[in-house]
Structure formats: C-alpha cells, structure tokens
Amino acid sequence: MFKDNLLELRKFYNMSQEELADKIGVSRQTLSKYETGESLPDIEKCRAIADVFGRSIDDLVNYEKDNTENMGLGIPPKGKHIFGMVRVGDKGQIVIPAKARNIFDINPGDNLIVLGDEGQGLAIIKEKGLLDLLENAKDRTLKG
C-alpha cells in the first residue's frame, strides 16, 4: 500500500525521485527503495512525505485505491474524504455512511440542509453548521 501510494502521489504531482528525495532529506536511491517496497521510511520521513503531498500519514500508509469504498480513486487531500457509494431509494432517501456520520457527528434527529448547484452538485450541511456560518458572517459584516 505505502509504496503504491507514494509512487502514485509522486507521479500525480509530476515530481522526479530526485525532487521528492531533496524535499524529505533522503537520497534518490533511498526514495527508490521506498517506492519498490525494499525498505520503509521511519515515522519522521513518513510525516515529511505526507506533508509534501498534503495527505495524512494514515492515508499514505493504509489507503487502498482498489477498495470498493474508494471507487478506484487516489488518496484524497487532508480533510477530504471518500465515503463510498450510496443508493438512492424510491422516495429519494440515502443512507449516510457510518464513517461520515462519525467524522461529522451526525446523529439521529439532527437536521441537515441540502444545498445544490446545478453545475457542481449537492452538498449536505448540519443545520447548526450553517447557523454558525451565518452568525460569523453577520459578525464580520457588523465589524467591517
């Protein structure tokens, strides 16, 4: 997993082994060994690699592109998630995946607001999140 994720990210960012090696403080040969799986970096080098690509160490080490939940997509940036696919029911209902409910603290009885942009799609936000956003915008307007 790690070696595949490292190689994919380096190529996605169009970096040579030499460029990435310089950024994380190792030789090109050492980086090559990371990419072939011949050796693994220590935790500090993992952190440096994750930081270069704006990813989490956990995703760098554990993300499996071919996992059906990930739909064959590459590692998302920090704070971005792929929760998998959901099926729309007869009445338009969907089940929000458990991982998403846990990360965003969505519980039974919570009110969610569905926003839409015909060019970009749908977004779901917790009612409290939208109210907080509106309150902050109001405060900035009053101060400015």
N, C-alpha and C. Protein backbone atom coordinates (compact mmCIF):
# COMPACT_ATOMS: atom_id res chain seq x y z
N MET A 1 0.81 -1.19 0.00
CA MET A 1 0.00 0.00 0.00
C MET A 1 0.86 1.26 0.00
N PHE A 2 1.77 1.37 1.00
CA PHE A 2 2.58 2.58 1.09
C PHE A 2 3.34 2.85 -0.20
N LYS A 3 4.02 1.82 -0.70
CA LYS A 3 4.84 2.03 -1.90
C LYS A 3 3.99 2.46 -3.08
N ASP A 4 2.81 1.87 -3.22
CA ASP A 4 1.92 2.23 -4.33
C ASP A 4 1.41 3.67 -4.17
N ASN A 5 1.04 4.04 -2.95
CA ASN A 5 0.54 5.40 -2.70
C ASN A 5 1.64 6.43 -2.93
N LEU A 6 2.84 6.12 -2.48
CA LEU A 6 3.96 7.03 -2.68
C LEU A 6 4.23 7.26 -4.16
N LEU A 7 4.32 6.18 -4.91
CA LEU A 7 4.59 6.28 -6.34
C LEU A 7 3.48 7.05 -7.06
N GLU A 8 2.23 6.73 -6.73
CA GLU A 8 1.11 7.41 -7.39
C GLU A 8 1.11 8.91 -7.09
N LEU A 9 1.35 9.28 -5.84
CA LEU A 9 1.37 10.70 -5.49
C LEU A 9 2.53 11.43 -6.16
N ARG A 10 3.70 10.81 -6.17
CA ARG A 10 4.85 11.47 -6.80
C ARG A 10 4.57 11.72 -8.27
N LYS A 11 4.02 10.72 -8.95
CA LYS A 11 3.72 10.88 -10.38
C LYS A 11 2.59 11.88 -10.59
N PHE A 12 1.56 11.86 -9.72
CA PHE A 12 0.45 12.80 -9.84
C PHE A 12 0.96 14.24 -9.77
N TYR A 13 1.91 14.48 -8.89
CA TYR A 13 2.48 15.83 -8.73
C TYR A 13 3.65 16.09 -9.68
N ASN A 14 3.87 15.14 -10.60
CA ASN A 14 4.89 15.29 -11.62
C ASN A 14 6.26 15.62 -11.03
N MET A 15 6.63 14.90 -9.98
CA MET A 15 7.92 15.09 -9.32
C MET A 15 8.84 13.94 -9.68
N SER A 16 10.09 14.27 -9.83
CA SER A 16 11.08 13.22 -10.03
C SER A 16 11.45 12.64 -8.66
N GLN A 17 12.08 11.47 -8.67
CA GLN A 17 12.54 10.90 -7.41
C GLN A 17 13.53 11.85 -6.74
N GLU A 18 14.36 12.45 -7.55
CA GLU A 18 15.37 13.39 -7.04
C GLU A 18 14.71 14.57 -6.32
N GLU A 19 13.67 15.14 -6.94
CA GLU A 19 12.99 16.30 -6.34
C GLU A 19 12.35 15.93 -5.00
N LEU A 20 11.64 14.81 -4.97
CA LEU A 20 10.99 14.41 -3.72
C LEU A 20 12.03 14.05 -2.66
N ALA A 21 13.06 13.34 -3.07
CA ALA A 21 14.12 12.96 -2.13
C ALA A 21 14.71 14.21 -1.47
N ASP A 22 14.97 15.25 -2.27
CA ASP A 22 15.52 16.51 -1.73
C ASP A 22 14.56 17.13 -0.71
N LYS A 23 13.27 17.10 -1.02
CA LYS A 23 12.28 17.72 -0.13
C LYS A 23 12.18 17.02 1.22
N ILE A 24 12.41 15.71 1.24
CA ILE A 24 12.27 14.97 2.51
C ILE A 24 13.61 14.62 3.14
N GLY A 25 14.70 15.00 2.50
CA GLY A 25 16.03 14.81 3.09
C GLY A 25 16.60 13.42 3.01
N VAL A 26 16.36 12.72 1.89
CA VAL A 26 16.96 11.40 1.68
C VAL A 26 17.59 11.38 0.29
N SER A 27 18.34 10.33 -0.01
CA SER A 27 18.92 10.20 -1.34
C SER A 27 17.87 9.68 -2.32
N ARG A 28 18.12 9.85 -3.59
CA ARG A 28 17.22 9.33 -4.62
C ARG A 28 17.14 7.81 -4.51
N GLN A 29 18.27 7.18 -4.18
CA GLN A 29 18.30 5.73 -4.05
C GLN A 29 17.41 5.25 -2.90
N THR A 30 17.43 5.99 -1.80
CA THR A 30 16.58 5.64 -0.65
C THR A 30 15.12 5.76 -1.04
N LEU A 31 14.77 6.84 -1.73
CA LEU A 31 13.39 7.03 -2.17
C LEU A 31 12.97 5.90 -3.11
N SER A 32 13.88 5.51 -3.99
CA SER A 32 13.59 4.41 -4.90
C SER A 32 13.28 3.13 -4.12
N LYS A 33 14.00 2.89 -3.04
CA LYS A 33 13.74 1.71 -2.21
C LYS A 33 12.37 1.80 -1.53
N TYR A 34 11.96 3.01 -1.16
CA TYR A 34 10.61 3.18 -0.59
C TYR A 34 9.56 2.80 -1.64
N GLU A 35 9.79 3.24 -2.88
CA GLU A 35 8.81 3.01 -3.95
C GLU A 35 8.74 1.55 -4.40
N THR A 36 9.82 0.83 -4.26
CA THR A 36 9.81 -0.58 -4.65
C THR A 36 9.39 -1.48 -3.50
N GLY A 37 9.32 -0.93 -2.30
CA GLY A 37 8.96 -1.72 -1.13
C GLY A 37 10.15 -2.43 -0.51
N GLU A 38 11.34 -2.13 -1.01
CA GLU A 38 12.55 -2.75 -0.48
C GLU A 38 12.83 -2.29 0.95
N SER A 39 12.43 -1.04 1.26
CA SER A 39 12.55 -0.53 2.62
C SER A 39 11.41 0.44 2.89
N LEU A 40 11.22 0.74 4.16
CA LEU A 40 10.18 1.68 4.57
C LEU A 40 10.81 2.84 5.33
N PRO A 41 10.25 4.04 5.17
CA PRO A 41 10.80 5.18 5.90
C PRO A 41 10.42 5.14 7.38
N ASP A 42 11.20 5.85 8.21
CA ASP A 42 10.81 5.97 9.61
C ASP A 42 9.63 6.95 9.69
N ILE A 43 9.08 7.09 10.87
CA ILE A 43 7.87 7.89 11.04
C ILE A 43 8.08 9.36 10.67
N GLU A 44 9.25 9.90 10.94
CA GLU A 44 9.51 11.30 10.59
C GLU A 44 9.55 11.51 9.08
N LYS A 45 10.10 10.55 8.35
CA LYS A 45 10.13 10.64 6.88
C LYS A 45 8.71 10.46 6.33
N CYS A 46 7.93 9.56 6.97
CA CYS A 46 6.52 9.41 6.56
C CYS A 46 5.78 10.73 6.72
N ARG A 47 6.01 11.39 7.83
CA ARG A 47 5.37 12.69 8.07
C ARG A 47 5.80 13.70 7.02
N ALA A 48 7.07 13.72 6.69
CA ALA A 48 7.57 14.65 5.68
C ALA A 48 6.94 14.37 4.31
N ILE A 49 6.85 13.11 3.96
CA ILE A 49 6.24 12.73 2.67
C ILE A 49 4.77 13.14 2.67
N ALA A 50 4.05 12.82 3.74
CA ALA A 50 2.62 13.18 3.83
C ALA A 50 2.45 14.70 3.72
N ASP A 51 3.32 15.46 4.36
CA ASP A 51 3.23 16.92 4.32
C ASP A 51 3.48 17.47 2.91
N VAL A 52 4.45 16.89 2.22
CA VAL A 52 4.75 17.35 0.84
C VAL A 52 3.50 17.23 -0.03
N PHE A 53 2.75 16.15 0.16
CA PHE A 53 1.58 15.90 -0.70
C PHE A 53 0.26 16.35 -0.07
N GLY A 54 0.30 16.93 1.13
CA GLY A 54 -0.93 17.38 1.78
C GLY A 54 -1.87 16.25 2.12
N ARG A 55 -1.33 15.12 2.53
CA ARG A 55 -2.11 13.95 2.89
C ARG A 55 -1.81 13.58 4.34
N SER A 56 -2.62 12.70 4.90
CA SER A 56 -2.35 12.23 6.26
C SER A 56 -1.41 11.02 6.19
N ILE A 57 -0.68 10.81 7.26
CA ILE A 57 0.20 9.63 7.33
C ILE A 57 -0.65 8.37 7.22
N ASP A 58 -1.80 8.35 7.88
CA ASP A 58 -2.67 7.18 7.85
C ASP A 58 -3.06 6.84 6.41
N ASP A 59 -3.49 7.85 5.64
CA ASP A 59 -3.86 7.58 4.26
C ASP A 59 -2.66 7.14 3.44
N LEU A 60 -1.51 7.77 3.67
CA LEU A 60 -0.30 7.40 2.93
C LEU A 60 0.05 5.93 3.16
N VAL A 61 -0.12 5.47 4.38
CA VAL A 61 0.25 4.10 4.74
C VAL A 61 -0.86 3.10 4.46
N ASN A 62 -2.10 3.46 4.73
CA ASN A 62 -3.19 2.48 4.72
C ASN A 62 -4.18 2.58 3.57
N TYR A 63 -4.20 3.67 2.83
CA TYR A 63 -5.22 3.87 1.80
C TYR A 63 -5.09 2.82 0.71
N GLU A 64 -6.20 2.17 0.38
CA GLU A 64 -6.23 1.16 -0.67
C GLU A 64 -7.13 1.65 -1.80
N LYS A 65 -6.51 2.05 -2.88
CA LYS A 65 -7.24 2.58 -4.03
C LYS A 65 -8.26 1.59 -4.56
N ASP A 66 -7.93 0.31 -4.56
CA ASP A 66 -8.81 -0.70 -5.14
C ASP A 66 -9.91 -1.18 -4.21
N ASN A 67 -9.93 -0.67 -2.98
CA ASN A 67 -11.02 -0.97 -2.05
C ASN A 67 -12.31 -0.45 -2.67
N THR A 68 -13.37 -1.25 -2.69
CA THR A 68 -14.61 -0.84 -3.36
C THR A 68 -15.18 0.47 -2.80
N GLU A 69 -14.95 0.76 -1.53
CA GLU A 69 -15.43 2.02 -0.95
C GLU A 69 -14.75 3.22 -1.61
N ASN A 70 -13.52 3.06 -2.06
CA ASN A 70 -12.75 4.18 -2.60
C ASN A 70 -12.95 4.37 -4.10
N MET A 71 -13.71 3.51 -4.71
CA MET A 71 -14.11 3.63 -6.12
C MET A 71 -12.95 3.81 -7.08
N GLY A 72 -11.77 3.28 -6.73
CA GLY A 72 -10.62 3.36 -7.62
C GLY A 72 -9.97 4.72 -7.68
N LEU A 73 -10.35 5.62 -6.76
CA LEU A 73 -9.79 6.97 -6.76
C LEU A 73 -8.54 7.03 -5.89
N GLY A 74 -7.66 7.96 -6.19
CA GLY A 74 -6.44 8.14 -5.42
C GLY A 74 -6.72 8.71 -4.04
N ILE A 75 -5.66 8.85 -3.27
CA ILE A 75 -5.76 9.35 -1.89
C ILE A 75 -6.28 10.78 -1.89
N PRO A 76 -7.35 11.05 -1.15
CA PRO A 76 -7.85 12.43 -1.09
C PRO A 76 -6.94 13.30 -0.21
N PRO A 77 -6.93 14.62 -0.44
CA PRO A 77 -6.15 15.53 0.41
C PRO A 77 -6.65 15.50 1.86
N LYS A 78 -5.82 15.98 2.80
CA LYS A 78 -6.21 16.03 4.21
C LYS A 78 -7.54 16.74 4.36
N GLY A 79 -8.39 16.16 5.19
CA GLY A 79 -9.69 16.76 5.47
C GLY A 79 -10.75 16.46 4.42
N LYS A 80 -10.36 15.83 3.33
CA LYS A 80 -11.31 15.44 2.28
C LYS A 80 -11.51 13.93 2.40
N HIS A 81 -12.69 13.45 2.10
CA HIS A 81 -12.99 12.05 2.31
C HIS A 81 -13.75 11.46 1.13
N ILE A 82 -13.55 10.19 0.93
CA ILE A 82 -14.37 9.42 0.00
C ILE A 82 -15.08 8.40 0.88
N PHE A 83 -16.39 8.52 0.98
CA PHE A 83 -17.14 7.64 1.86
C PHE A 83 -17.75 6.46 1.14
N GLY A 84 -17.57 6.38 -0.16
CA GLY A 84 -18.14 5.27 -0.90
C GLY A 84 -19.43 5.68 -1.58
N MET A 85 -20.08 4.71 -2.14
CA MET A 85 -21.28 4.97 -2.92
C MET A 85 -22.52 4.63 -2.10
N VAL A 86 -23.57 5.41 -2.31
CA VAL A 86 -24.86 5.12 -1.69
C VAL A 86 -25.90 5.02 -2.79
N ARG A 87 -26.95 4.28 -2.52
CA ARG A 87 -28.03 4.11 -3.49
C ARG A 87 -29.22 4.96 -3.05
N VAL A 88 -29.82 5.64 -4.00
CA VAL A 88 -31.00 6.46 -3.72
C VAL A 88 -32.22 5.55 -3.73
N GLY A 89 -33.00 5.64 -2.65
CA GLY A 89 -34.21 4.83 -2.54
C GLY A 89 -35.35 5.39 -3.36
N ASP A 90 -36.47 4.68 -3.36
CA ASP A 90 -37.64 5.06 -4.15
C ASP A 90 -38.15 6.46 -3.84
N LYS A 91 -38.02 6.89 -2.61
CA LYS A 91 -38.52 8.20 -2.20
C LYS A 91 -37.40 9.24 -2.11
N GLY A 92 -36.23 8.93 -2.68
CA GLY A 92 -35.11 9.87 -2.68
C GLY A 92 -34.22 9.79 -1.46
N GLN A 93 -34.46 8.85 -0.57
CA GLN A 93 -33.66 8.75 0.64
C GLN A 93 -32.30 8.10 0.36
N ILE A 94 -31.31 8.52 1.13
CA ILE A 94 -30.00 7.88 1.09
C ILE A 94 -29.58 7.56 2.52
N VAL A 95 -28.67 6.62 2.68
CA VAL A 95 -28.09 6.32 3.98
C VAL A 95 -26.68 6.90 3.99
N ILE A 96 -26.45 7.81 4.92
CA ILE A 96 -25.12 8.40 5.05
C ILE A 96 -24.21 7.36 5.69
N PRO A 97 -23.07 7.04 5.07
CA PRO A 97 -22.18 6.01 5.62
C PRO A 97 -21.76 6.31 7.06
N ALA A 98 -21.61 5.26 7.85
CA ALA A 98 -21.27 5.39 9.27
C ALA A 98 -20.01 6.21 9.49
N LYS A 99 -18.99 6.01 8.67
CA LYS A 99 -17.75 6.77 8.84
C LYS A 99 -18.01 8.26 8.70
N ALA A 100 -18.85 8.65 7.75
CA ALA A 100 -19.20 10.07 7.56
C ALA A 100 -19.99 10.59 8.76
N ARG A 101 -20.93 9.78 9.25
CA ARG A 101 -21.72 10.20 10.42
C ARG A 101 -20.81 10.40 11.63
N ASN A 102 -19.82 9.53 11.79
CA ASN A 102 -18.89 9.67 12.93
C ASN A 102 -18.00 10.89 12.80
N ILE A 103 -17.40 11.08 11.63
CA ILE A 103 -16.49 12.22 11.43
C ILE A 103 -17.22 13.55 11.60
N PHE A 104 -18.45 13.63 11.08
CA PHE A 104 -19.18 14.89 11.10
C PHE A 104 -20.21 14.97 12.23
N ASP A 105 -20.15 14.00 13.15
CA ASP A 105 -21.02 13.98 14.33
C ASP A 105 -22.49 14.16 13.95
N ILE A 106 -22.94 13.33 13.02
CA ILE A 106 -24.34 13.33 12.59
C ILE A 106 -25.07 12.23 13.34
N ASN A 107 -26.11 12.62 14.05
CA ASN A 107 -26.83 11.69 14.91
C ASN A 107 -28.31 11.66 14.54
N PRO A 108 -29.01 10.58 14.92
CA PRO A 108 -30.44 10.52 14.66
C PRO A 108 -31.13 11.76 15.23
N GLY A 109 -32.02 12.33 14.46
CA GLY A 109 -32.75 13.53 14.90
C GLY A 109 -32.10 14.84 14.49
N ASP A 110 -30.83 14.81 14.04
CA ASP A 110 -30.17 16.03 13.57
C ASP A 110 -30.87 16.55 12.32
N ASN A 111 -30.93 17.86 12.18
CA ASN A 111 -31.45 18.46 10.96
C ASN A 111 -30.30 18.72 10.00
N LEU A 112 -30.47 18.31 8.76
CA LEU A 112 -29.47 18.52 7.72
C LEU A 112 -30.07 19.39 6.63
N ILE A 113 -29.27 20.26 6.07
CA ILE A 113 -29.71 21.12 4.98
C ILE A 113 -29.04 20.64 3.70
N VAL A 114 -29.83 20.46 2.66
CA VAL A 114 -29.31 20.02 1.37
C VAL A 114 -29.22 21.24 0.47
N LEU A 115 -28.01 21.51 0.00
CA LEU A 115 -27.76 22.64 -0.90
C LEU A 115 -27.48 22.09 -2.28
N GLY A 116 -27.74 22.87 -3.30
CA GLY A 116 -27.49 22.40 -4.66
C GLY A 116 -26.95 23.47 -5.57
N ASP A 117 -26.07 23.06 -6.44
CA ASP A 117 -25.52 23.90 -7.50
C ASP A 117 -25.62 23.06 -8.76
N GLU A 118 -26.37 23.52 -9.75
CA GLU A 118 -26.60 22.71 -10.94
C GLU A 118 -25.32 22.37 -11.67
N GLY A 119 -24.28 23.15 -11.48
CA GLY A 119 -23.01 22.87 -12.13
C GLY A 119 -22.10 21.96 -11.32
N GLN A 120 -22.24 21.97 -9.98
CA GLN A 120 -21.32 21.22 -9.14
C GLN A 120 -21.96 20.10 -8.34
N GLY A 121 -23.26 20.13 -8.15
CA GLY A 121 -23.93 19.04 -7.46
C GLY A 121 -24.52 19.43 -6.13
N LEU A 122 -24.69 18.44 -5.27
CA LEU A 122 -25.34 18.62 -3.97
C LEU A 122 -24.31 18.68 -2.85
N ALA A 123 -24.72 19.35 -1.78
CA ALA A 123 -23.93 19.38 -0.55
C ALA A 123 -24.89 19.23 0.62
N ILE A 124 -24.45 18.59 1.67
CA ILE A 124 -25.25 18.42 2.87
C ILE A 124 -24.49 19.06 4.01
N ILE A 125 -25.17 19.90 4.78
CA ILE A 125 -24.54 20.56 5.92
C ILE A 125 -25.48 20.45 7.12
N LYS A 126 -24.90 20.28 8.31
CA LYS A 126 -25.72 20.23 9.51
C LYS A 126 -26.33 21.61 9.73
N GLU A 127 -27.54 21.63 10.22
CA GLU A 127 -28.23 22.89 10.47
C GLU A 127 -27.38 23.80 11.36
N LYS A 128 -26.82 23.25 12.43
CA LYS A 128 -26.00 24.05 13.34
C LYS A 128 -24.79 24.63 12.62
N GLY A 129 -24.19 23.85 11.72
CA GLY A 129 -23.04 24.35 10.97
C GLY A 129 -23.40 25.54 10.12
N LEU A 130 -24.55 25.51 9.48
CA LEU A 130 -24.99 26.63 8.65
C LEU A 130 -25.32 27.83 9.52
N LEU A 131 -26.00 27.60 10.64
CA LEU A 131 -26.34 28.71 11.53
C LEU A 131 -25.08 29.38 12.07
N ASP A 132 -24.07 28.59 12.43
CA ASP A 132 -22.80 29.14 12.90
C ASP A 132 -22.12 29.95 11.81
N LEU A 133 -22.14 29.43 10.58
CA LEU A 133 -21.55 30.12 9.44
C LEU A 133 -22.23 31.46 9.21
N LEU A 134 -23.54 31.47 9.26
CA LEU A 134 -24.31 32.71 9.06
C LEU A 134 -24.05 33.71 10.18
N GLU A 135 -23.95 33.23 11.40
CA GLU A 135 -23.68 34.10 12.54
C GLU A 135 -22.30 34.75 12.42
N ASN A 136 -21.30 33.96 12.01
CA ASN A 136 -19.95 34.50 11.81
C ASN A 136 -19.93 35.54 10.70
N ALA A 137 -20.66 35.29 9.63
CA ALA A 137 -20.73 36.25 8.53
C ALA A 137 -21.40 37.54 8.99
N LYS A 138 -22.42 37.42 9.79
CA LYS A 138 -23.13 38.59 10.33
C LYS A 138 -22.18 39.41 11.20
N ASP A 139 -21.42 38.72 12.07
CA ASP A 139 -20.48 39.40 12.96
C ASP A 139 -19.42 40.16 12.16
N ARG A 140 -18.89 39.52 11.10
CA ARG A 140 -17.89 40.19 10.27
C ARG A 140 -18.46 41.40 9.56
N THR A 141 -19.71 41.32 9.13
CA THR A 141 -20.36 42.43 8.43
C THR A 141 -20.53 43.61 9.40
N LEU A 142 -20.92 43.32 10.63
CA LEU A 142 -21.13 44.38 11.63
C LEU A 142 -19.80 45.04 12.02
N LYS A 143 -18.72 44.26 12.05
CA LYS A 143 -17.41 44.80 12.41
C LYS A 143 -16.78 45.58 11.27
N GLY A 144 -17.11 45.21 10.02
CA GLY A 144 -16.47 45.80 8.84
C GLY A 144 -17.19 46.96 8.36
